[in-house]
Amino acid sequence: MADAPRVVIVDDQALVRTGFRMILAADGIDVVAEAADGDAAVAAVRRTRPDVVLMDIRMPGTDGLEATRRILADGTAPPRIVVLTTYDLDQYVYAALAAGASGFLLKDVTPEHLTAAVRLVRSGDALLAPAVTRRLVERFAAPSRTRPAAPHRELATLTPRELEVLEALARGHTNAELAARFGLSEATVKTHVARVLQKLRLRDRAQAVIAAYETGLVTPGSDGSGTAGPGGPG
């Protein structure tokens, strides 16, 4: 398939890499390289220029978090990175999302979910399980005094509707739920989300969720009784 996603698999366990490669290949997805550590992952990405990287977060030597940071800082069009983990509520996973990863998958993911996830992030969307992502962010995110001031200032560039969309998005709502919540079409919701990402200079929804918490727009444990209404599922 000419438009098949091109993927690099990074995991220190050969069995995991082999299993994922077989699943992806069976669905017409092209695995262009494999790597067993972070340094090899960075080199493989530079060599093959994939669309998506499946990145194990915990590896000997250079781990997946550092490799994620290096890959996303290298070049004008870096690949989308999906973190692989055995435990969803993990501080390393949160740090990878904050660094720009587009989502995460548990290593016991089903074949169907794996291939769908690769195609989803390749299309430009973030891979978010809303309830799990909200719990992850609420556990580890906190407004930081050391965070650069720019994201706080840029919240002022959002329209009232865009702020509502960002707040509801951070509470775990899907596009369909946002559309129903605000009486909008899904196409209009996507436009609002795209404008939020552009104005805040964020890669995707995963970073938007984190930004909403770290700027204090949404606080852990809040019920969402403000402008955006009740909290989301999960």
C-alpha atoms as a PDB file:
ATOM      1  CA  MET A   1       0.000   0.000   0.000  1.00  0.00           C
ATOM      2  CA  ALA A   2       1.511   3.308  -1.102  1.00  0.00           C
ATOM      3  CA  ASP A   3      -0.117   5.187   1.771  1.00  0.00           C
ATOM      4  CA  ALA A   4       0.649   2.617   4.489  1.00  0.00           C
ATOM      5  CA  PRO A   5       2.086   4.110   7.686  1.00  0.00           C
ATOM      6  CA  ARG A   6       5.840   3.626   8.114  1.00  0.00           C
ATOM      7  CA  VAL A   7       6.696   2.540  11.638  1.00  0.00           C
ATOM      8  CA  VAL A   8       9.770   2.093  13.836  1.00  0.00           C
ATOM      9  CA  ILE A   9       9.360  -0.299  16.784  1.00  0.00           C
ATOM     10  CA  VAL A  10      11.502   0.369  19.849  1.00  0.00           C
ATOM     11  CA  ASP A  11      11.630  -2.173  22.677  1.00  0.00           C
ATOM     12  CA  ASP A  12      14.450  -3.919  24.491  1.00  0.00           C
ATOM     13  CA  GLN A  13      12.614  -7.255  24.248  1.00  0.00           C
ATOM     14  CA  ALA A  14      13.029  -8.968  20.889  1.00  0.00           C
ATOM     15  CA  LEU A  15       9.848 -10.974  21.406  1.00  0.00           C
ATOM     16  CA  VAL A  16       7.783  -7.817  21.799  1.00  0.00           C
ATOM     17  CA  ARG A  17       9.298  -6.294  18.656  1.00  0.00           C
ATOM     18  CA  THR A  18       8.674  -9.465  16.671  1.00  0.00           C
ATOM     19  CA  GLY A  19       5.074  -9.744  17.808  1.00  0.00           C
ATOM     20  CA  PHE A  20       4.284  -6.139  17.025  1.00  0.00           C
ATOM     21  CA  ARG A  21       6.008  -6.348  13.629  1.00  0.00           C
ATOM     22  CA  MET A  22       3.945  -9.415  12.657  1.00  0.00           C
ATOM     23  CA  ILE A  23       0.695  -7.744  13.736  1.00  0.00           C
ATOM     24  CA  LEU A  24       1.447  -4.541  11.847  1.00  0.00           C
ATOM     25  CA  ALA A  25       2.679  -6.316   8.706  1.00  0.00           C
ATOM     26  CA  ALA A  26      -0.478  -8.440   8.615  1.00  0.00           C
ATOM     27  CA  ASP A  27      -2.496  -5.226   8.411  1.00  0.00           C
ATOM     28  CA  GLY A  28      -0.385  -3.722   5.617  1.00  0.00           C
ATOM     29  CA  ILE A  29       1.651  -1.422   7.870  1.00  0.00           C
ATOM     30  CA  ASP A  30       5.320  -1.097   6.946  1.00  0.00           C
ATOM     31  CA  VAL A  31       7.825  -1.632   9.773  1.00  0.00           C
ATOM     32  CA  VAL A  32      10.905   0.165   8.460  1.00  0.00           C
ATOM     33  CA  ALA A  33      13.200  -0.443  11.438  1.00  0.00           C
ATOM     34  CA  GLU A  34      13.498  -1.850  14.942  1.00  0.00           C
ATOM     35  CA  ALA A  35      15.612  -0.704  17.869  1.00  0.00           C
ATOM     36  CA  ALA A  36      16.433  -2.127  21.289  1.00  0.00           C
ATOM     37  CA  ASP A  37      17.389   1.097  23.064  1.00  0.00           C
ATOM     38  CA  GLY A  38      16.950   4.841  22.899  1.00  0.00           C
ATOM     39  CA  ASP A  39      20.188   5.641  21.077  1.00  0.00           C
ATOM     40  CA  ALA A  40      19.403   3.096  18.368  1.00  0.00           C
ATOM     41  CA  ALA A  41      15.876   4.491  18.150  1.00  0.00           C
ATOM     42  CA  VAL A  42      17.116   8.016  17.450  1.00  0.00           C
ATOM     43  CA  ALA A  43      19.499   6.700  14.796  1.00  0.00           C
ATOM     44  CA  ALA A  44      16.777   4.566  13.184  1.00  0.00           C
ATOM     45  CA  VAL A  45      14.365   7.508  13.014  1.00  0.00           C
ATOM     46  CA  ARG A  46      16.992   9.736  11.428  1.00  0.00           C
ATOM     47  CA  ARG A  47      17.789   7.032   8.892  1.00  0.00           C
ATOM     48  CA  THR A  48      14.269   5.950   7.916  1.00  0.00           C
ATOM     49  CA  ARG A  49      12.057   9.000   8.619  1.00  0.00           C
ATOM     50  CA  PRO A  50       8.995   6.997   9.752  1.00  0.00           C
ATOM     51  CA  ASP A  51       5.478   8.290  10.295  1.00  0.00           C
ATOM     52  CA  VAL A  52       5.044   6.653  13.712  1.00  0.00           C
ATOM     53  CA  VAL A  53       7.381   5.364  16.426  1.00  0.00           C
ATOM     54  CA  LEU A  54       6.195   2.761  18.943  1.00  0.00           C
ATOM     55  CA  MET A  55       8.453   3.610  21.889  1.00  0.00           C
ATOM     56  CA  ASP A  56       9.073   1.463  24.954  1.00  0.00           C
ATOM     57  CA  ILE A  57       9.403   3.879  27.867  1.00  0.00           C
ATOM     58  CA  ARG A  58      11.684   1.815  30.133  1.00  0.00           C
ATOM     59  CA  MET A  59      14.870   0.475  28.554  1.00  0.00           C
ATOM     60  CA  PRO A  60      18.485   0.077  29.681  1.00  0.00           C
ATOM     61  CA  GLY A  61      20.797   2.931  28.753  1.00  0.00           C
ATOM     62  CA  THR A  62      18.989   5.753  26.987  1.00  0.00           C
ATOM     63  CA  ASP A  63      15.339   5.238  27.905  1.00  0.00           C
ATOM     64  CA  GLY A  64      12.256   5.972  25.858  1.00  0.00           C
ATOM     65  CA  LEU A  65      11.614   9.315  27.507  1.00  0.00           C
ATOM     66  CA  GLU A  66      14.997  10.740  26.526  1.00  0.00           C
ATOM     67  CA  ALA A  67      14.717   9.221  23.049  1.00  0.00           C
ATOM     68  CA  THR A  68      11.280  10.824  22.649  1.00  0.00           C
ATOM     69  CA  ARG A  69      12.662  14.225  23.565  1.00  0.00           C
ATOM     70  CA  ARG A  70      15.572  13.895  21.153  1.00  0.00           C
ATOM     71  CA  ILE A  71      13.434  12.676  18.262  1.00  0.00           C
ATOM     72  CA  LEU A  72      10.835  15.412  18.650  1.00  0.00           C
ATOM     73  CA  ALA A  73      13.539  18.074  18.875  1.00  0.00           C
ATOM     74  CA  ASP A  74      15.212  16.839  15.692  1.00  0.00           C
ATOM     75  CA  GLY A  75      13.880  18.323  12.466  1.00  0.00           C
ATOM     76  CA  THR A  76      10.813  20.206  11.340  1.00  0.00           C
ATOM     77  CA  ALA A  77       8.525  17.214  10.790  1.00  0.00           C
ATOM     78  CA  PRO A  78       9.262  14.583  13.456  1.00  0.00           C
ATOM     79  CA  PRO A  79       7.215  11.388  13.581  1.00  0.00           C
ATOM     80  CA  ARG A  80       4.321  10.774  15.902  1.00  0.00           C
ATOM     81  CA  ILE A  81       5.410   8.823  18.972  1.00  0.00           C
ATOM     82  CA  VAL A  82       3.248   6.325  20.837  1.00  0.00           C
ATOM     83  CA  VAL A  83       4.633   5.201  24.185  1.00  0.00           C
ATOM     84  CA  LEU A  84       4.507   1.507  25.087  1.00  0.00           C
ATOM     85  CA  THR A  85       4.033   0.731  28.761  1.00  0.00           C
ATOM     86  CA  THR A  86       2.971  -2.055  31.089  1.00  0.00           C
ATOM     87  CA  TYR A  87       1.356   0.332  33.583  1.00  0.00           C
ATOM     88  CA  ASP A  88      -0.867   3.197  32.505  1.00  0.00           C
ATOM     89  CA  LEU A  89      -0.617   5.437  35.586  1.00  0.00           C
ATOM     90  CA  ASP A  90       3.108   5.955  35.167  1.00  0.00           C
ATOM     91  CA  GLN A  91       5.057   9.166  35.745  1.00  0.00           C
ATOM     92  CA  TYR A  92       7.328   8.329  32.794  1.00  0.00           C
ATOM     93  CA  VAL A  93       4.296   8.076  30.511  1.00  0.00           C
ATOM     94  CA  TYR A  94       3.081  11.445  31.735  1.00  0.00           C
ATOM     95  CA  ALA A  95       6.515  12.962  31.120  1.00  0.00           C
ATOM     96  CA  ALA A  96       6.553  11.527  27.580  1.00  0.00           C
ATOM     97  CA  LEU A  97       3.136  13.036  26.839  1.00  0.00           C
ATOM     98  CA  ALA A  98       4.332  16.369  28.202  1.00  0.00           C
ATOM     99  CA  ALA A  99       7.382  16.105  25.949  1.00  0.00           C
ATOM    100  CA  GLY A 100       5.172  15.662  22.887  1.00  0.00           C
ATOM    101  CA  ALA A 101       4.275  11.979  22.576  1.00  0.00           C
ATOM    102  CA  SER A 102       0.887  11.515  20.925  1.00  0.00           C
ATOM    103  CA  GLY A 103      -0.407   8.884  23.320  1.00  0.00           C
ATOM    104  CA  PHE A 104       0.336   5.567  24.904  1.00  0.00           C
ATOM    105  CA  LEU A 105      -0.578   1.909  24.591  1.00  0.00           C
ATOM    106  CA  LEU A 106      -0.389  -0.893  27.110  1.00  0.00           C
ATOM    107  CA  LYS A 107       1.831  -3.711  25.888  1.00  0.00           C
ATOM    108  CA  ASP A 108      -1.045  -6.184  26.130  1.00  0.00           C
ATOM    109  CA  VAL A 109      -2.985  -4.201  23.530  1.00  0.00           C
ATOM    110  CA  THR A 110      -5.098  -6.242  21.115  1.00  0.00           C
ATOM    111  CA  PRO A 111      -3.903  -6.530  17.501  1.00  0.00           C
ATOM    112  CA  GLU A 112      -6.917  -4.575  16.284  1.00  0.00           C
ATOM    113  CA  HIS A 113      -6.295  -1.742  18.728  1.00  0.00           C
ATOM    114  CA  LEU A 114      -2.601  -1.636  17.863  1.00  0.00           C
ATOM    115  CA  THR A 115      -3.122  -1.240  14.130  1.00  0.00           C
ATOM    116  CA  ALA A 116      -5.986   1.229  14.622  1.00  0.00           C
ATOM    117  CA  ALA A 117      -3.804   3.290  16.970  1.00  0.00           C
ATOM    118  CA  VAL A 118      -0.959   3.506  14.464  1.00  0.00           C
ATOM    119  CA  ARG A 119      -3.299   4.671  11.716  1.00  0.00           C
ATOM    120  CA  LEU A 120      -4.999   7.149  14.053  1.00  0.00           C
ATOM    121  CA  VAL A 121      -1.830   8.922  15.168  1.00  0.00           C
ATOM    122  CA  ARG A 122      -0.442   8.844  11.639  1.00  0.00           C
ATOM    123  CA  SER A 123      -3.503  10.857  10.578  1.00  0.00           C
ATOM    124  CA  GLY A 124      -2.551  13.572  13.076  1.00  0.00           C
ATOM    125  CA  ASP A 125      -4.837  12.736  15.991  1.00  0.00           C
ATOM    126  CA  ALA A 126      -3.688  12.004  19.520  1.00  0.00           C
ATOM    127  CA  LEU A 127      -4.207   8.550  20.923  1.00  0.00           C
ATOM    128  CA  LEU A 128      -6.131   9.141  24.117  1.00  0.00           C
ATOM    129  CA  ALA A 129      -8.177   6.794  26.232  1.00  0.00           C
ATOM    130  CA  PRO A 130     -10.091   9.659  27.878  1.00  0.00           C
ATOM    131  CA  ALA A 131     -10.715   8.147  31.325  1.00  0.00           C
ATOM    132  CA  VAL A 132      -7.202   6.737  31.699  1.00  0.00           C
ATOM    133  CA  THR A 133      -5.558   9.885  30.361  1.00  0.00           C
ATOM    134  CA  ARG A 134      -7.510  12.057  32.780  1.00  0.00           C
ATOM    135  CA  ARG A 135      -6.477   9.882  35.736  1.00  0.00           C
ATOM    136  CA  LEU A 136      -2.867   9.948  34.547  1.00  0.00           C
ATOM    137  CA  VAL A 137      -2.769  13.723  34.196  1.00  0.00           C
ATOM    138  CA  GLU A 138      -4.629  14.355  37.454  1.00  0.00           C
ATOM    139  CA  ARG A 139      -2.139  12.171  39.286  1.00  0.00           C
ATOM    140  CA  PHE A 140       1.025  13.790  37.974  1.00  0.00           C
ATOM    141  CA  ALA A 141       0.176  17.260  36.628  1.00  0.00           C
ATOM    142  CA  ALA A 142       0.438  20.331  38.788  1.00  0.00           C
ATOM    143  CA  PRO A 143       0.811  24.029  37.999  1.00  0.00           C
ATOM    144  CA  SER A 144       4.569  24.536  37.910  1.00  0.00           C
ATOM    145  CA  ARG A 145       6.381  27.658  39.036  1.00  0.00           C
ATOM    146  CA  THR A 146       9.255  26.661  36.761  1.00  0.00           C
ATOM    147  CA  ARG A 147       7.056  26.254  33.660  1.00  0.00           C
ATOM    148  CA  PRO A 148       7.711  28.946  31.012  1.00  0.00           C
ATOM    149  CA  ALA A 149       5.225  31.815  31.229  1.00  0.00           C
ATOM    150  CA  ALA A 150       4.271  31.710  27.531  1.00  0.00           C
ATOM    151  CA  PRO A 151       1.509  29.061  27.827  1.00  0.00           C
ATOM    152  CA  HIS A 152      -0.170  31.127  30.575  1.00  0.00           C
ATOM    153  CA  ARG A 153      -0.090  34.282  28.505  1.00  0.00           C
ATOM    154  CA  GLU A 154      -1.307  32.467  25.404  1.00  0.00           C
ATOM    155  CA  LEU A 155      -4.452  31.256  27.165  1.00  0.00           C
ATOM    156  CA  ALA A 156      -5.562  34.877  26.855  1.00  0.00           C
ATOM    157  CA  THR A 157      -5.489  34.488  23.065  1.00  0.00           C
ATOM    158  CA  LEU A 158      -8.255  31.878  23.187  1.00  0.00           C
ATOM    159  CA  THR A 159     -11.852  32.898  22.645  1.00  0.00           C
ATOM    160  CA  PRO A 160     -14.387  32.039  25.374  1.00  0.00           C
ATOM    161  CA  ARG A 161     -15.610  29.108  23.258  1.00  0.00           C
ATOM    162  CA  GLU A 162     -12.064  27.847  22.716  1.00  0.00           C
ATOM    163  CA  LEU A 163     -11.442  27.978  26.467  1.00  0.00           C
ATOM    164  CA  GLU A 164     -14.615  25.958  27.020  1.00  0.00           C
ATOM    165  CA  VAL A 165     -13.505  23.424  24.423  1.00  0.00           C
ATOM    166  CA  LEU A 166     -10.035  23.134  25.988  1.00  0.00           C
ATOM    167  CA  GLU A 167     -11.491  22.660  29.455  1.00  0.00           C
ATOM    168  CA  ALA A 168     -13.940  19.987  28.312  1.00  0.00           C
ATOM    169  CA  LEU A 169     -11.251  18.299  26.236  1.00  0.00           C
ATOM    170  CA  ALA A 170      -9.031  18.150  29.327  1.00  0.00           C
ATOM    171  CA  ARG A 171     -11.845  16.434  31.202  1.00  0.00           C
ATOM    172  CA  GLY A 172     -11.748  13.569  28.730  1.00  0.00           C
ATOM    173  CA  HIS A 173     -14.526  14.340  26.269  1.00  0.00           C
ATOM    174  CA  THR A 174     -14.362  13.019  22.713  1.00  0.00           C
ATOM    175  CA  ASN A 175     -15.170  15.183  19.688  1.00  0.00           C
ATOM    176  CA  ALA A 176     -18.648  13.650  19.535  1.00  0.00           C
ATOM    177  CA  GLU A 177     -19.254  14.458  23.204  1.00  0.00           C
ATOM    178  CA  LEU A 178     -17.940  17.994  22.736  1.00  0.00           C
ATOM    179  CA  ALA A 179     -20.281  18.462  19.775  1.00  0.00           C
ATOM    180  CA  ALA A 180     -23.288  17.306  21.801  1.00  0.00           C
ATOM    181  CA  ARG A 181     -22.211  19.365  24.806  1.00  0.00           C
ATOM    182  CA  PHE A 182     -21.969  22.645  22.910  1.00  0.00           C
ATOM    183  CA  GLY A 183     -24.598  22.043  20.219  1.00  0.00           C
ATOM    184  CA  LEU A 184     -22.004  22.084  17.452  1.00  0.00           C
ATOM    185  CA  SER A 185     -21.116  19.821  14.550  1.00  0.00           C
ATOM    186  CA  GLU A 186     -18.082  17.572  14.945  1.00  0.00           C
ATOM    187  CA  ALA A 187     -16.436  19.472  12.082  1.00  0.00           C
ATOM    188  CA  THR A 188     -16.820  22.720  14.027  1.00  0.00           C
ATOM    189  CA  VAL A 189     -15.430  21.064  17.155  1.00  0.00           C
ATOM    190  CA  LYS A 190     -12.391  19.884  15.187  1.00  0.00           C
ATOM    191  CA  THR A 191     -11.882  23.450  13.973  1.00  0.00           C
ATOM    192  CA  HIS A 192     -12.000  24.770  17.538  1.00  0.00           C
ATOM    193  CA  VAL A 193      -9.543  22.111  18.721  1.00  0.00           C
ATOM    194  CA  ALA A 194      -7.192  22.873  15.820  1.00  0.00           C
ATOM    195  CA  ARG A 195      -7.261  26.587  16.692  1.00  0.00           C
ATOM    196  CA  VAL A 196      -6.520  25.852  20.344  1.00  0.00           C
ATOM    197  CA  LEU A 197      -3.521  23.740  19.366  1.00  0.00           C
ATOM    198  CA  GLN A 198      -2.279  26.381  16.944  1.00  0.00           C
ATOM    199  CA  LYS A 199      -2.618  29.270  19.388  1.00  0.00           C
ATOM    200  CA  LEU A 200      -0.955  27.378  22.240  1.00  0.00           C
ATOM    201  CA  ARG A 201       1.683  25.913  19.908  1.00  0.00           C
ATOM    202  CA  LEU A 202       0.896  22.332  20.909  1.00  0.00           C
ATOM    203  CA  ARG A 203       1.324  19.207  18.805  1.00  0.00           C
ATOM    204  CA  ASP A 204      -1.933  17.456  19.644  1.00  0.00           C
ATOM    205  CA  ARG A 205      -4.700  16.797  22.159  1.00  0.00           C
ATOM    206  CA  ALA A 206      -2.404  14.972  24.582  1.00  0.00           C
ATOM    207  CA  GLN A 207      -0.352  18.108  25.127  1.00  0.00           C
ATOM    208  CA  ALA A 208      -3.534  20.200  25.287  1.00  0.00           C
ATOM    209  CA  VAL A 209      -4.851  18.113  28.185  1.00  0.00           C
ATOM    210  CA  ILE A 210      -1.582  18.554  30.066  1.00  0.00           C
ATOM    211  CA  ALA A 211      -1.452  22.294  29.322  1.00  0.00           C
ATOM    212  CA  ALA A 212      -4.972  22.747  30.696  1.00  0.00           C
ATOM    213  CA  TYR A 213      -3.933  21.230  34.011  1.00  0.00           C
ATOM    214  CA  GLU A 214      -0.489  22.787  34.262  1.00  0.00           C
ATOM    215  CA  THR A 215      -1.793  26.282  33.557  1.00  0.00           C
ATOM    216  CA  GLY A 216      -4.490  25.850  36.192  1.00  0.00           C
ATOM    217  CA  LEU A 217      -7.414  26.051  33.749  1.00  0.00           C
ATOM    218  CA  VAL A 218      -8.475  22.655  35.091  1.00  0.00           C
ATOM    219  CA  THR A 219      -7.509  21.383  38.536  1.00  0.00           C
ATOM    220  CA  PRO A 220      -7.234  17.747  39.687  1.00  0.00           C
ATOM    221  CA  GLY A 221     -10.408  16.637  41.402  1.00  0.00           C
ATOM    222  CA  SER A 222     -12.515  19.543  40.166  1.00  0.00           C
ATOM    223  CA  ASP A 223     -15.996  18.609  39.015  1.00  0.00           C
ATOM    224  CA  GLY A 224     -16.112  20.911  36.006  1.00  0.00           C
ATOM    225  CA  SER A 225     -18.976  22.993  37.342  1.00  0.00           C
ATOM    226  CA  GLY A 226     -17.625  26.116  35.653  1.00  0.00           C
ATOM    227  CA  THR A 227     -18.284  27.301  32.121  1.00  0.00           C
ATOM    228  CA  ALA A 228     -17.704  23.929  30.561  1.00  0.00           C
ATOM    229  CA  GLY A 229     -20.246  22.064  32.681  1.00  0.00           C
ATOM    230  CA  PRO A 230     -19.964  18.680  34.426  1.00  0.00           C
ATOM    231  CA  GLY A 231     -16.834  16.592  34.305  1.00  0.00           C
ATOM    232  CA  GLY A 232     -16.233  13.968  31.666  1.00  0.00           C
ATOM    233  CA  PRO A 233     -16.392  10.186  31.931  1.00  0.00           C
ATOM    234  CA  GLY A 234     -13.960   8.251  34.088  1.00  0.00           C
END
